[in-house]
Amino acid sequence: MEAAVAQPLNPVQLHLLKIFQFTRDETSLTELKDVLFDFYCKKVDEEADRLWKEKNMSNETMHELKDAHFRTPYHH
């Protein structure tokens, strides 16, 4: 069995560890999690908007994709 390779923490992870050391109660932890969740939700929305514009997507495109079948047919 191969040994797991230790990966160093990136700067964001290190900073979050420093922040979390001051989080002493469940309420603060929940609030901090909410802030991080909102941050990443905003990033996902921004990326989705960028792709929507880049690919010239519309509501009609979404309806077409919803009904599309992309699976490869199974042949015996």
C-alpha atoms as a PDB file:
ATOM      1  CA  MET A   1       0.000   0.000   0.000  1.00  0.00           C
ATOM      2  CA  GLU A   2       1.365   3.418  -0.945  1.00  0.00           C
ATOM      3  CA  ALA A   3       1.878   6.034   1.732  1.00  0.00           C
ATOM      4  CA  ALA A   4      -0.194   9.190   1.419  1.00  0.00           C
ATOM      5  CA  VAL A   5       1.792  12.126   0.094  1.00  0.00           C
ATOM      6  CA  ALA A   6       1.551  15.119   2.401  1.00  0.00           C
ATOM      7  CA  GLN A   7       0.477  18.245   0.556  1.00  0.00           C
ATOM      8  CA  PRO A   8       1.442  21.595   2.022  1.00  0.00           C
ATOM      9  CA  LEU A   9      -1.388  23.946   2.867  1.00  0.00           C
ATOM     10  CA  ASN A  10      -1.934  26.823   0.485  1.00  0.00           C
ATOM     11  CA  PRO A  11      -1.971  30.451   1.725  1.00  0.00           C
ATOM     12  CA  VAL A  12      -5.784  30.559   1.948  1.00  0.00           C
ATOM     13  CA  GLN A  13      -5.898  27.414   4.071  1.00  0.00           C
ATOM     14  CA  LEU A  14      -3.196  28.765   6.383  1.00  0.00           C
ATOM     15  CA  HIS A  15      -5.040  32.048   6.795  1.00  0.00           C
ATOM     16  CA  LEU A  16      -8.309  30.271   7.564  1.00  0.00           C
ATOM     17  CA  LEU A  17      -6.567  28.197  10.229  1.00  0.00           C
ATOM     18  CA  LYS A  18      -5.342  31.404  11.835  1.00  0.00           C
ATOM     19  CA  ILE A  19      -8.846  32.867  11.768  1.00  0.00           C
ATOM     20  CA  PHE A  20     -10.452  29.724  13.167  1.00  0.00           C
ATOM     21  CA  GLN A  21      -8.148  29.737  16.186  1.00  0.00           C
ATOM     22  CA  PHE A  22     -10.120  32.731  17.482  1.00  0.00           C
ATOM     23  CA  THR A  23     -13.497  31.081  16.939  1.00  0.00           C
ATOM     24  CA  ARG A  24     -14.371  29.875  20.409  1.00  0.00           C
ATOM     25  CA  ASP A  25     -18.121  29.270  20.317  1.00  0.00           C
ATOM     26  CA  GLU A  26     -20.634  27.575  18.050  1.00  0.00           C
ATOM     27  CA  THR A  27     -22.402  30.847  17.158  1.00  0.00           C
ATOM     28  CA  SER A  28     -19.195  32.443  15.889  1.00  0.00           C
ATOM     29  CA  LEU A  29     -18.350  29.321  13.938  1.00  0.00           C
ATOM     30  CA  THR A  30     -21.782  29.335  12.302  1.00  0.00           C
ATOM     31  CA  GLU A  31     -21.458  33.014  11.405  1.00  0.00           C
ATOM     32  CA  LEU A  32     -18.012  32.463   9.915  1.00  0.00           C
ATOM     33  CA  LYS A  33     -19.249  29.490   7.906  1.00  0.00           C
ATOM     34  CA  ASP A  34     -22.133  31.619   6.603  1.00  0.00           C
ATOM     35  CA  VAL A  35     -19.726  34.336   5.472  1.00  0.00           C
ATOM     36  CA  LEU A  36     -17.557  31.804   3.643  1.00  0.00           C
ATOM     37  CA  PHE A  37     -20.621  30.160   2.108  1.00  0.00           C
ATOM     38  CA  ASP A  38     -21.929  33.530   0.859  1.00  0.00           C
ATOM     39  CA  PHE A  39     -18.490  34.362  -0.563  1.00  0.00           C
ATOM     40  CA  TYR A  40     -18.305  31.149  -2.580  1.00  0.00           C
ATOM     41  CA  CYS A  41     -21.945  31.402  -3.695  1.00  0.00           C
ATOM     42  CA  LYS A  42     -21.155  34.830  -5.100  1.00  0.00           C
ATOM     43  CA  LYS A  43     -18.131  33.419  -6.949  1.00  0.00           C
ATOM     44  CA  VAL A  44     -20.236  30.608  -8.443  1.00  0.00           C
ATOM     45  CA  ASP A  45     -22.906  33.095  -9.551  1.00  0.00           C
ATOM     46  CA  GLU A  46     -20.259  35.309 -11.169  1.00  0.00           C
ATOM     47  CA  GLU A  47     -18.755  32.357 -13.039  1.00  0.00           C
ATOM     48  CA  ALA A  48     -22.190  31.153 -14.167  1.00  0.00           C
ATOM     49  CA  ASP A  49     -23.012  34.652 -15.448  1.00  0.00           C
ATOM     50  CA  ARG A  50     -19.681  34.806 -17.276  1.00  0.00           C
ATOM     51  CA  LEU A  51     -20.267  31.446 -18.946  1.00  0.00           C
ATOM     52  CA  TRP A  52     -23.878  32.367 -19.760  1.00  0.00           C
ATOM     53  CA  LYS A  53     -22.666  35.441 -21.664  1.00  0.00           C
ATOM     54  CA  GLU A  54     -19.635  33.724 -23.205  1.00  0.00           C
ATOM     55  CA  LYS A  55     -21.747  30.859 -24.584  1.00  0.00           C
ATOM     56  CA  ASN A  56     -24.629  33.162 -25.639  1.00  0.00           C
ATOM     57  CA  MET A  57     -27.056  31.145 -23.553  1.00  0.00           C
ATOM     58  CA  SER A  58     -30.724  31.978 -23.070  1.00  0.00           C
ATOM     59  CA  ASN A  59     -33.731  30.544 -21.296  1.00  0.00           C
ATOM     60  CA  GLU A  60     -34.536  28.715 -24.528  1.00  0.00           C
ATOM     61  CA  THR A  61     -31.061  27.130 -24.464  1.00  0.00           C
ATOM     62  CA  MET A  62     -31.675  25.932 -20.924  1.00  0.00           C
ATOM     63  CA  HIS A  63     -35.003  24.355 -21.904  1.00  0.00           C
ATOM     64  CA  GLU A  64     -33.304  22.584 -24.820  1.00  0.00           C
ATOM     65  CA  LEU A  65     -30.538  21.276 -22.539  1.00  0.00           C
ATOM     66  CA  LYS A  66     -33.081  20.121 -19.984  1.00  0.00           C
ATOM     67  CA  ASP A  67     -34.720  17.844 -22.545  1.00  0.00           C
ATOM     68  CA  ALA A  68     -31.513  16.729 -24.302  1.00  0.00           C
ATOM     69  CA  HIS A  69     -30.214  13.179 -24.024  1.00  0.00           C
ATOM     70  CA  PHE A  70     -26.426  12.993 -23.980  1.00  0.00           C
ATOM     71  CA  ARG A  71     -25.973   9.390 -22.894  1.00  0.00           C
ATOM     72  CA  THR A  72     -24.342   6.970 -25.259  1.00  0.00           C
ATOM     73  CA  PRO A  73     -26.900   4.340 -26.276  1.00  0.00           C
ATOM     74  CA  TYR A  74     -26.273   0.909 -24.812  1.00  0.00           C
ATOM     75  CA  HIS A  75     -25.830  -1.804 -27.423  1.00  0.00           C
ATOM     76  CA  HIS A  76     -25.885  -5.502 -26.579  1.00  0.00           C
END
